[in-house]
Amino acid sequence: MSPKNNIHSQHLLTLIGQQVIYHQQQCVIIEVLDDKELVLQALDQDQNIQANQYGEGHRNVPVIYTLPAFDAEGNLHAELIAAGLADLLSQQASDLD
């Protein structure tokens, strides 16, 4: 589905490295997935325990969130708007165009 706005993949890529507040945690955008999802890594000291192939937890890893960029109608997803990325994306889109 194509978005109903002027934000494209190249605009999303410019967000990599930007810091945002998501669920009251300071996060950094570390990746944009092919299906237009943003991957955020929490910068706080909170860690998850990563399980191995047998389900045993042995390794601490940073907390990661995956956010869809667009909803089913092609508009910016509410999670992105809540994280404060709508204004940043609009600014990036106008700078690139």
PDB file of N, CA and C in Angstrom:
ATOM      1  N   MET A   1       0.843  -1.170   0.000  1.00  0.00           N
ATOM      2  CA  MET A   1       0.000   0.000   0.000  1.00  0.00           C
ATOM      3  C   MET A   1       0.889   1.233   0.000  1.00  0.00           C
ATOM      4  N   SER A   2       0.571   2.162  -0.848  1.00  0.00           N
ATOM      5  CA  SER A   2       1.340   3.397  -0.878  1.00  0.00           C
ATOM      6  C   SER A   2       0.762   4.383   0.129  1.00  0.00           C
ATOM      7  N   PRO A   3       1.635   5.114   0.797  1.00  0.00           N
ATOM      8  CA  PRO A   3       1.150   6.057   1.792  1.00  0.00           C
ATOM      9  C   PRO A   3       0.360   7.189   1.156  1.00  0.00           C
ATOM     10  N   LYS A   4      -0.567   7.759   1.917  1.00  0.00           N
ATOM     11  CA  LYS A   4      -1.392   8.862   1.440  1.00  0.00           C
ATOM     12  C   LYS A   4      -0.729  10.207   1.718  1.00  0.00           C
ATOM     13  N   ASN A   5       0.564  10.210   1.933  1.00  0.00           N
ATOM     14  CA  ASN A   5       1.270  11.453   2.217  1.00  0.00           C
ATOM     15  C   ASN A   5       2.560  11.466   1.416  1.00  0.00           C
ATOM     16  N   ASN A   6       3.385  12.448   1.619  1.00  0.00           N
ATOM     17  CA  ASN A   6       4.603  12.576   0.823  1.00  0.00           C
ATOM     18  C   ASN A   6       5.831  11.976   1.502  1.00  0.00           C
ATOM     19  N   ILE A   7       5.646  11.049   2.405  1.00  0.00           N
ATOM     20  CA  ILE A   7       6.761  10.421   3.115  1.00  0.00           C
ATOM     21  C   ILE A   7       7.068   9.078   2.462  1.00  0.00           C
ATOM     22  N   HIS A   8       8.324   8.901   2.041  1.00  0.00           N
ATOM     23  CA  HIS A   8       8.747   7.689   1.351  1.00  0.00           C
ATOM     24  C   HIS A   8       9.900   7.037   2.114  1.00  0.00           C
ATOM     25  N   SER A   9      10.385   5.924   1.593  1.00  0.00           N
ATOM     26  CA  SER A   9      11.459   5.176   2.250  1.00  0.00           C
ATOM     27  C   SER A   9      12.690   6.037   2.496  1.00  0.00           C
ATOM     28  N   GLN A  10      13.037   6.890   1.530  1.00  0.00           N
ATOM     29  CA  GLN A  10      14.236   7.726   1.709  1.00  0.00           C
ATOM     30  C   GLN A  10      14.074   8.678   2.889  1.00  0.00           C
ATOM     31  N   HIS A  11      12.845   9.126   3.137  1.00  0.00           N
ATOM     32  CA  HIS A  11      12.600   9.994   4.287  1.00  0.00           C
ATOM     33  C   HIS A  11      12.762   9.213   5.591  1.00  0.00           C
ATOM     34  N   LEU A  12      12.283   7.969   5.587  1.00  0.00           N
ATOM     35  CA  LEU A  12      12.417   7.141   6.788  1.00  0.00           C
ATOM     36  C   LEU A  12      13.886   6.863   7.095  1.00  0.00           C
ATOM     37  N   LEU A  13      14.692   6.648   6.052  1.00  0.00           N
ATOM     38  CA  LEU A  13      16.112   6.353   6.256  1.00  0.00           C
ATOM     39  C   LEU A  13      16.851   7.509   6.918  1.00  0.00           C
ATOM     40  N   THR A  14      16.394   8.732   6.695  1.00  0.00           N
ATOM     41  CA  THR A  14      17.068   9.881   7.308  1.00  0.00           C
ATOM     42  C   THR A  14      16.862   9.929   8.819  1.00  0.00           C
ATOM     43  N   LEU A  15      15.921   9.138   9.321  1.00  0.00           N
ATOM     44  CA  LEU A  15      15.651   9.127  10.758  1.00  0.00           C
ATOM     45  C   LEU A  15      16.626   8.261  11.548  1.00  0.00           C
ATOM     46  N   ILE A  16      17.397   7.423  10.861  1.00  0.00           N
ATOM     47  CA  ILE A  16      18.336   6.548  11.572  1.00  0.00           C
ATOM     48  C   ILE A  16      19.307   7.404  12.380  1.00  0.00           C
ATOM     49  N   GLY A  17      19.437   7.063  13.645  1.00  0.00           N
ATOM     50  CA  GLY A  17      20.307   7.795  14.557  1.00  0.00           C
ATOM     51  C   GLY A  17      19.588   8.852  15.378  1.00  0.00           C
ATOM     52  N   GLN A  18      18.348   9.165  15.021  1.00  0.00           N
ATOM     53  CA  GLN A  18      17.573  10.156  15.767  1.00  0.00           C
ATOM     54  C   GLN A  18      17.098   9.558  17.093  1.00  0.00           C
ATOM     55  N   GLN A  19      17.093  10.362  18.127  1.00  0.00           N
ATOM     56  CA  GLN A  19      16.603   9.915  19.426  1.00  0.00           C
ATOM     57  C   GLN A  19      15.169  10.373  19.626  1.00  0.00           C
ATOM     58  N   VAL A  20      14.354   9.488  20.186  1.00  0.00           N
ATOM     59  CA  VAL A  20      12.943   9.772  20.445  1.00  0.00           C
ATOM     60  C   VAL A  20      12.569   9.229  21.826  1.00  0.00           C
ATOM     61  N   ILE A  21      11.450   9.699  22.331  1.00  0.00           N
ATOM     62  CA  ILE A  21      10.881   9.152  23.565  1.00  0.00           C
ATOM     63  C   ILE A  21       9.741   8.232  23.157  1.00  0.00           C
ATOM     64  N   TYR A  22       9.826   6.969  23.544  1.00  0.00           N
ATOM     65  CA  TYR A  22       8.790   5.992  23.216  1.00  0.00           C
ATOM     66  C   TYR A  22       8.453   5.220  24.482  1.00  0.00           C
ATOM     67  N   HIS A  23       7.208   5.210  24.871  1.00  0.00           N
ATOM     68  CA  HIS A  23       6.763   4.563  26.111  1.00  0.00           C
ATOM     69  C   HIS A  23       7.594   5.027  27.301  1.00  0.00           C
ATOM     70  N   GLN A  24       7.831   6.316  27.358  1.00  0.00           N
ATOM     71  CA  GLN A  24       8.566   6.964  28.445  1.00  0.00           C
ATOM     72  C   GLN A  24      10.005   6.477  28.564  1.00  0.00           C
ATOM     73  N   GLN A  25      10.566   6.004  27.460  1.00  0.00           N
ATOM     74  CA  GLN A  25      11.961   5.582  27.434  1.00  0.00           C
ATOM     75  C   GLN A  25      12.682   6.324  26.319  1.00  0.00           C
ATOM     76  N   GLN A  26      13.905   6.740  26.600  1.00  0.00           N
ATOM     77  CA  GLN A  26      14.738   7.360  25.573  1.00  0.00           C
ATOM     78  C   GLN A  26      15.221   6.253  24.641  1.00  0.00           C
ATOM     79  N   CYS A  27      14.960   6.402  23.339  1.00  0.00           N
ATOM     80  CA  CYS A  27      15.324   5.394  22.349  1.00  0.00           C
ATOM     81  C   CYS A  27      16.045   6.054  21.183  1.00  0.00           C
ATOM     82  N   VAL A  28      16.766   5.249  20.423  1.00  0.00           N
ATOM     83  CA  VAL A  28      17.395   5.704  19.194  1.00  0.00           C
ATOM     84  C   VAL A  28      16.891   4.811  18.059  1.00  0.00           C
ATOM     85  N   ILE A  29      16.655   5.405  16.898  1.00  0.00           N
ATOM     86  CA  ILE A  29      16.219   4.641  15.725  1.00  0.00           C
ATOM     87  C   ILE A  29      17.459   4.002  15.126  1.00  0.00           C
ATOM     88  N   ILE A  30      17.478   2.669  15.051  1.00  0.00           N
ATOM     89  CA  ILE A  30      18.680   1.977  14.591  1.00  0.00           C
ATOM     90  C   ILE A  30      18.533   1.352  13.210  1.00  0.00           C
ATOM     91  N   GLU A  31      17.289   1.219  12.714  1.00  0.00           N
ATOM     92  CA  GLU A  31      17.116   0.557  11.420  1.00  0.00           C
ATOM     93  C   GLU A  31      15.732   0.856  10.861  1.00  0.00           C
ATOM     94  N   VAL A  32      15.633   0.802   9.525  1.00  0.00           N
ATOM     95  CA  VAL A  32      14.353   0.866   8.826  1.00  0.00           C
ATOM     96  C   VAL A  32      14.230  -0.433   8.040  1.00  0.00           C
ATOM     97  N   LEU A  33      13.213  -1.212   8.345  1.00  0.00           N
ATOM     98  CA  LEU A  33      13.016  -2.496   7.677  1.00  0.00           C
ATOM     99  C   LEU A  33      12.342  -2.296   6.326  1.00  0.00           C
ATOM    100  N   ASP A  34      12.467  -3.297   5.447  1.00  0.00           N
ATOM    101  CA  ASP A  34      11.921  -3.211   4.092  1.00  0.00           C
ATOM    102  C   ASP A  34      10.423  -2.972   4.061  1.00  0.00           C
ATOM    103  N   ASP A  35       9.701  -3.504   5.025  1.00  0.00           N
ATOM    104  CA  ASP A  35       8.245  -3.327   5.023  1.00  0.00           C
ATOM    105  C   ASP A  35       7.839  -2.058   5.766  1.00  0.00           C
ATOM    106  N   LYS A  36       8.741  -1.068   5.761  1.00  0.00           N
ATOM    107  CA  LYS A  36       8.495   0.272   6.320  1.00  0.00           C
ATOM    108  C   LYS A  36       8.153   0.239   7.808  1.00  0.00           C
ATOM    109  N   GLU A  37       9.013  -0.432   8.546  1.00  0.00           N
ATOM    110  CA  GLU A  37       8.926  -0.445  10.002  1.00  0.00           C
ATOM    111  C   GLU A  37      10.218   0.140  10.554  1.00  0.00           C
ATOM    112  N   LEU A  38      10.100   0.882  11.639  1.00  0.00           N
ATOM    113  CA  LEU A  38      11.264   1.464  12.294  1.00  0.00           C
ATOM    114  C   LEU A  38      11.643   0.606  13.493  1.00  0.00           C
ATOM    115  N   VAL A  39      12.942   0.386  13.671  1.00  0.00           N
ATOM    116  CA  VAL A  39      13.442  -0.381  14.806  1.00  0.00           C
ATOM    117  C   VAL A  39      14.090   0.600  15.775  1.00  0.00           C
ATOM    118  N   LEU A  40      13.594   0.600  17.004  1.00  0.00           N
ATOM    119  CA  LEU A  40      14.098   1.487  18.054  1.00  0.00           C
ATOM    120  C   LEU A  40      14.804   0.662  19.119  1.00  0.00           C
ATOM    121  N   GLN A  41      15.916   1.179  19.615  1.00  0.00           N
ATOM    122  CA  GLN A  41      16.635   0.542  20.714  1.00  0.00           C
ATOM    123  C   GLN A  41      16.593   1.472  21.911  1.00  0.00           C
ATOM    124  N   ALA A  42      16.165   0.938  23.045  1.00  0.00           N
ATOM    125  CA  ALA A  42      16.105   1.734  24.274  1.00  0.00           C
ATOM    126  C   ALA A  42      17.518   2.054  24.744  1.00  0.00           C
ATOM    127  N   LEU A  43      17.729   3.301  25.141  1.00  0.00           N
ATOM    128  CA  LEU A  43      19.041   3.731  25.618  1.00  0.00           C
ATOM    129  C   LEU A  43      19.182   3.588  27.126  1.00  0.00           C
ATOM    130  N   ASP A  44      18.086   3.302  27.803  1.00  0.00           N
ATOM    131  CA  ASP A  44      18.132   3.110  29.249  1.00  0.00           C
ATOM    132  C   ASP A  44      18.910   1.841  29.570  1.00  0.00           C
ATOM    133  N   GLN A  45      19.165   1.639  30.830  1.00  0.00           N
ATOM    134  CA  GLN A  45      19.924   0.471  31.256  1.00  0.00           C
ATOM    135  C   GLN A  45      19.091  -0.807  31.296  1.00  0.00           C
ATOM    136  N   ASP A  46      17.781  -0.688  31.040  1.00  0.00           N
ATOM    137  CA  ASP A  46      16.935  -1.881  31.036  1.00  0.00           C
ATOM    138  C   ASP A  46      17.409  -2.845  29.958  1.00  0.00           C
ATOM    139  N   GLN A  47      17.376  -4.115  30.281  1.00  0.00           N
ATOM    140  CA  GLN A  47      17.813  -5.130  29.326  1.00  0.00           C
ATOM    141  C   GLN A  47      16.827  -6.289  29.349  1.00  0.00           C
ATOM    142  N   ASN A  48      16.716  -6.955  28.228  1.00  0.00           N
ATOM    143  CA  ASN A  48      15.947  -8.191  28.132  1.00  0.00           C
ATOM    144  C   ASN A  48      16.918  -9.355  28.160  1.00  0.00           C
ATOM    145  N   ILE A  49      16.435 -10.490  28.601  1.00  0.00           N
ATOM    146  CA  ILE A  49      17.252 -11.700  28.545  1.00  0.00           C
ATOM    147  C   ILE A  49      16.893 -12.432  27.264  1.00  0.00           C
ATOM    148  N   GLN A  50      17.903 -12.655  26.425  1.00  0.00           N
ATOM    149  CA  GLN A  50      17.687 -13.322  25.145  1.00  0.00           C
ATOM    150  C   GLN A  50      17.830 -14.829  25.332  1.00  0.00           C
ATOM    151  N   ALA A  51      16.815 -15.551  24.897  1.00  0.00           N
ATOM    152  CA  ALA A  51      16.837 -17.009  25.018  1.00  0.00           C
ATOM    153  C   ALA A  51      17.593 -17.620  23.843  1.00  0.00           C
ATOM    154  N   ASN A  52      18.242 -18.753  24.106  1.00  0.00           N
ATOM    155  CA  ASN A  52      18.894 -19.476  23.020  1.00  0.00           C
ATOM    156  C   ASN A  52      17.876 -20.382  22.336  1.00  0.00           C
ATOM    157  N   GLN A  53      18.335 -21.231  21.447  1.00  0.00           N
ATOM    158  CA  GLN A  53      17.413 -22.080  20.677  1.00  0.00           C
ATOM    159  C   GLN A  53      16.642 -23.070  21.546  1.00  0.00           C
ATOM    160  N   TYR A  54      17.079 -23.278  22.777  1.00  0.00           N
ATOM    161  CA  TYR A  54      16.396 -24.196  23.684  1.00  0.00           C
ATOM    162  C   TYR A  54      15.497 -23.464  24.677  1.00  0.00           C
ATOM    163  N   GLY A  55      15.399 -22.156  24.539  1.00  0.00           N
ATOM    164  CA  GLY A  55      14.548 -21.369  25.417  1.00  0.00           C
ATOM    165  C   GLY A  55      15.197 -20.962  26.725  1.00  0.00           C
ATOM    166  N   GLU A  56      16.493 -21.209  26.849  1.00  0.00           N
ATOM    167  CA  GLU A  56      17.207 -20.850  28.073  1.00  0.00           C
ATOM    168  C   GLU A  56      17.807 -19.455  27.924  1.00  0.00           C
ATOM    169  N   GLY A  57      17.557 -18.609  28.905  1.00  0.00           N
ATOM    170  CA  GLY A  57      18.083 -17.253  28.856  1.00  0.00           C
ATOM    171  C   GLY A  57      19.485 -17.159  29.409  1.00  0.00           C
ATOM    172  N   HIS A  58      20.416 -16.666  28.590  1.00  0.00           N
ATOM    173  CA  HIS A  58      21.807 -16.565  29.026  1.00  0.00           C
ATOM    174  C   HIS A  58      22.429 -15.207  28.744  1.00  0.00           C
ATOM    175  N   ARG A  59      21.788 -14.385  27.944  1.00  0.00           N
ATOM    176  CA  ARG A  59      22.443 -13.174  27.463  1.00  0.00           C
ATOM    177  C   ARG A  59      21.525 -11.967  27.621  1.00  0.00           C
ATOM    178  N   ASN A  60      22.063 -10.897  28.163  1.00  0.00           N
ATOM    179  CA  ASN A  60      21.317  -9.646  28.263  1.00  0.00           C
ATOM    180  C   ASN A  60      21.467  -8.855  26.971  1.00  0.00           C
ATOM    181  N   VAL A  61      20.357  -8.356  26.462  1.00  0.00           N
ATOM    182  CA  VAL A  61      20.361  -7.547  25.241  1.00  0.00           C
ATOM    183  C   VAL A  61      19.521  -6.293  25.483  1.00  0.00           C
ATOM    184  N   PRO A  62      19.790  -5.215  24.737  1.00  0.00           N
ATOM    185  CA  PRO A  62      18.978  -3.999  24.899  1.00  0.00           C
ATOM    186  C   PRO A  62      17.524  -4.243  24.497  1.00  0.00           C
ATOM    187  N   VAL A  63      16.634  -3.451  25.067  1.00  0.00           N
ATOM    188  CA  VAL A  63      15.216  -3.527  24.719  1.00  0.00           C
ATOM    189  C   VAL A  63      15.040  -2.937  23.323  1.00  0.00           C
ATOM    190  N   ILE A  64      14.323  -3.670  22.458  1.00  0.00           N
ATOM    191  CA  ILE A  64      14.099  -3.267  21.067  1.00  0.00           C
ATOM    192  C   ILE A  64      12.603  -3.160  20.816  1.00  0.00           C
ATOM    193  N   TYR A  65      12.202  -2.114  20.095  1.00  0.00           N
ATOM    194  CA  TYR A  65      10.811  -1.937  19.674  1.00  0.00           C
ATOM    195  C   TYR A  65      10.774  -1.845  18.151  1.00  0.00           C
ATOM    196  N   THR A  66       9.748  -2.424  17.547  1.00  0.00           N
ATOM    197  CA  THR A  66       9.524  -2.303  16.112  1.00  0.00           C
ATOM    198  C   THR A  66       8.199  -1.593  15.900  1.00  0.00           C
ATOM    199  N   LEU A  67       8.251  -0.458  15.199  1.00  0.00           N
ATOM    200  CA  LEU A  67       7.059   0.356  14.979  1.00  0.00           C
ATOM    201  C   LEU A  67       6.711   0.399  13.498  1.00  0.00           C
ATOM    202  N   PRO A  68       5.462   0.152  13.150  1.00  0.00           N
ATOM    203  CA  PRO A  68       5.060   0.318  11.748  1.00  0.00           C
ATOM    204  C   PRO A  68       5.046   1.802  11.397  1.00  0.00           C
ATOM    205  N   ALA A  69       5.467   2.129  10.188  1.00  0.00           N
ATOM    206  CA  ALA A  69       5.475   3.529   9.767  1.00  0.00           C
ATOM    207  C   ALA A  69       4.084   3.999   9.364  1.00  0.00           C
ATOM    208  N   PHE A  70       3.310   3.115   8.744  1.00  0.00           N
ATOM    209  CA  PHE A  70       2.002   3.502   8.225  1.00  0.00           C
ATOM    210  C   PHE A  70       0.930   2.538   8.711  1.00  0.00           C
ATOM    211  N   ASP A  71      -0.290   3.043   8.843  1.00  0.00           N
ATOM    212  CA  ASP A  71      -1.409   2.186   9.213  1.00  0.00           C
ATOM    213  C   ASP A  71      -2.003   1.551   7.955  1.00  0.00           C
ATOM    214  N   ALA A  72      -3.081   0.801   8.104  1.00  0.00           N
ATOM    215  CA  ALA A  72      -3.690   0.084   6.981  1.00  0.00           C
ATOM    216  C   ALA A  72      -4.223   1.022   5.903  1.00  0.00           C
ATOM    217  N   GLU A  73      -4.509   2.257   6.270  1.00  0.00           N
ATOM    218  CA  GLU A  73      -5.038   3.225   5.309  1.00  0.00           C
ATOM    219  C   GLU A  73      -3.943   4.042   4.635  1.00  0.00           C
ATOM    220  N   GLY A  74      -2.695   3.806   4.998  1.00  0.00           N
ATOM    221  CA  GLY A  74      -1.590   4.526   4.391  1.00  0.00           C
ATOM    222  C   GLY A  74      -1.215   5.818   5.085  1.00  0.00           C
ATOM    223  N   ASN A  75      -1.817   6.102   6.216  1.00  0.00           N
ATOM    224  CA  ASN A  75      -1.477   7.292   7.001  1.00  0.00           C
ATOM    225  C   ASN A  75      -0.381   6.948   7.998  1.00  0.00           C
ATOM    226  N   LEU A  76       0.281   7.976   8.521  1.00  0.00           N
ATOM    227  CA  LEU A  76       1.276   7.723   9.558  1.00  0.00           C
ATOM    228  C   LEU A  76       0.639   6.972  10.713  1.00  0.00           C
ATOM    229  N   HIS A  77       1.318   5.944  11.177  1.00  0.00           N
ATOM    230  CA  HIS A  77       0.794   5.117  12.261  1.00  0.00           C
ATOM    231  C   HIS A  77       0.739   5.922  13.559  1.00  0.00           C
ATOM    232  N   ALA A  78      -0.260   5.652  14.363  1.00  0.00           N
ATOM    233  CA  ALA A  78      -0.457   6.364  15.631  1.00  0.00           C
ATOM    234  C   ALA A  78       0.749   6.224  16.557  1.00  0.00           C
ATOM    235  N   GLU A  79       1.452   5.101  16.504  1.00  0.00           N
ATOM    236  CA  GLU A  79       2.637   4.904  17.352  1.00  0.00           C
ATOM    237  C   GLU A  79       3.744   5.890  16.986  1.00  0.00           C
ATOM    238  N   LEU A  80       3.900   6.171  15.686  1.00  0.00           N
ATOM    239  CA  LEU A  80       4.906   7.146  15.263  1.00  0.00           C
ATOM    240  C   LEU A  80       4.537   8.547  15.719  1.00  0.00           C
ATOM    241  N   ILE A  81       3.259   8.861  15.602  1.00  0.00           N
ATOM    242  CA  ILE A  81       2.792  10.175  16.032  1.00  0.00           C
ATOM    243  C   ILE A  81       2.999  10.326  17.538  1.00  0.00           C
ATOM    244  N   ALA A  82       2.694   9.268  18.301  1.00  0.00           N
ATOM    245  CA  ALA A  82       2.868   9.299  19.758  1.00  0.00           C
ATOM    246  C   ALA A  82       4.340   9.460  20.144  1.00  0.00           C
ATOM    247  N   ALA A  83       5.239   8.912  19.336  1.00  0.00           N
ATOM    248  CA  ALA A  83       6.673   9.025  19.620  1.00  0.00           C
ATOM    249  C   ALA A  83       7.240  10.369  19.173  1.00  0.00           C
ATOM    250  N   GLY A  84       6.399  11.213  18.580  1.00  0.00           N
ATOM    251  CA  GLY A  84       6.839  12.541  18.167  1.00  0.00           C
ATOM    252  C   GLY A  84       7.570  12.574  16.844  1.00  0.00           C
ATOM    253  N   LEU A  85       7.417  11.531  16.036  1.00  0.00           N
ATOM    254  CA  LEU A  85       8.139  11.471  14.773  1.00  0.00           C
ATOM    255  C   LEU A  85       7.411  12.137  13.613  1.00  0.00           C
ATOM    256  N   ALA A  86       6.149  12.467  13.764  1.00  0.00           N
ATOM    257  CA  ALA A  86       5.392  13.065  12.659  1.00  0.00           C
ATOM    258  C   ALA A  86       6.000  14.398  12.240  1.00  0.00           C
ATOM    259  N   ASP A  87       6.302  15.259  13.198  1.00  0.00           N
ATOM    260  CA  ASP A  87       6.890  16.561  12.875  1.00  0.00           C
ATOM    261  C   ASP A  87       8.278  16.405  12.270  1.00  0.00           C
ATOM    262  N   LEU A  88       9.065  15.491  12.831  1.00  0.00           N
ATOM    263  CA  LEU A  88      10.410  15.262  12.320  1.00  0.00           C
ATOM    264  C   LEU A  88      10.367  14.729  10.894  1.00  0.00           C
ATOM    265  N   LEU A  89       9.449  13.807  10.615  1.00  0.00           N
ATOM    266  CA  LEU A  89       9.302  13.277   9.259  1.00  0.00           C
ATOM    267  C   LEU A  89       8.857  14.353   8.282  1.00  0.00           C
ATOM    268  N   SER A  90       7.950  15.194   8.683  1.00  0.00           N
ATOM    269  CA  SER A  90       7.489  16.278   7.810  1.00  0.00           C
ATOM    270  C   SER A  90       8.634  17.222   7.474  1.00  0.00           C
ATOM    271  N   GLN A  91       9.449  17.527   8.467  1.00  0.00           N
ATOM    272  CA  GLN A  91      10.598  18.399   8.244  1.00  0.00           C
ATOM    273  C   GLN A  91      11.604  17.734   7.307  1.00  0.00           C
ATOM    274  N   GLN A  92      11.888  16.445   7.523  1.00  0.00           N
ATOM    275  CA  GLN A  92      12.823  15.715   6.674  1.00  0.00           C
ATOM    276  C   GLN A  92      12.313  15.650   5.240  1.00  0.00           C
ATOM    277  N   ALA A  93      10.999  15.412   5.077  1.00  0.00           N
ATOM    278  CA  ALA A  93      10.411  15.319   3.741  1.00  0.00           C
ATOM    279  C   ALA A  93      10.548  16.643   3.001  1.00  0.00           C
ATOM    280  N   SER A  94      10.333  17.754   3.681  1.00  0.00           N
ATOM    281  CA  SER A  94      10.447  19.056   3.016  1.00  0.00           C
ATOM    282  C   SER A  94      11.907  19.385   2.701  1.00  0.00           C
ATOM    283  N   ASP A  95      12.848  18.922   3.527  1.00  0.00           N
ATOM    284  CA  ASP A  95      14.266  19.156   3.261  1.00  0.00           C
ATOM    285  C   ASP A  95      14.756  18.366   2.055  1.00  0.00           C
ATOM    286  N   LEU A  96      14.225  17.144   1.860  1.00  0.00           N
ATOM    287  CA  LEU A  96      14.666  16.297   0.758  1.00  0.00           C
ATOM    288  C   LEU A  96      13.997  16.645  -0.563  1.00  0.00           C
ATOM    289  N   ASP A  97      12.813  17.234  -0.515  1.00  0.00           N
ATOM    290  CA  ASP A  97      12.084  17.543  -1.756  1.00  0.00           C
ATOM    291  C   ASP A  97      12.504  18.867  -2.348  1.00  0.00           C
TER     292      ASP A  97
END
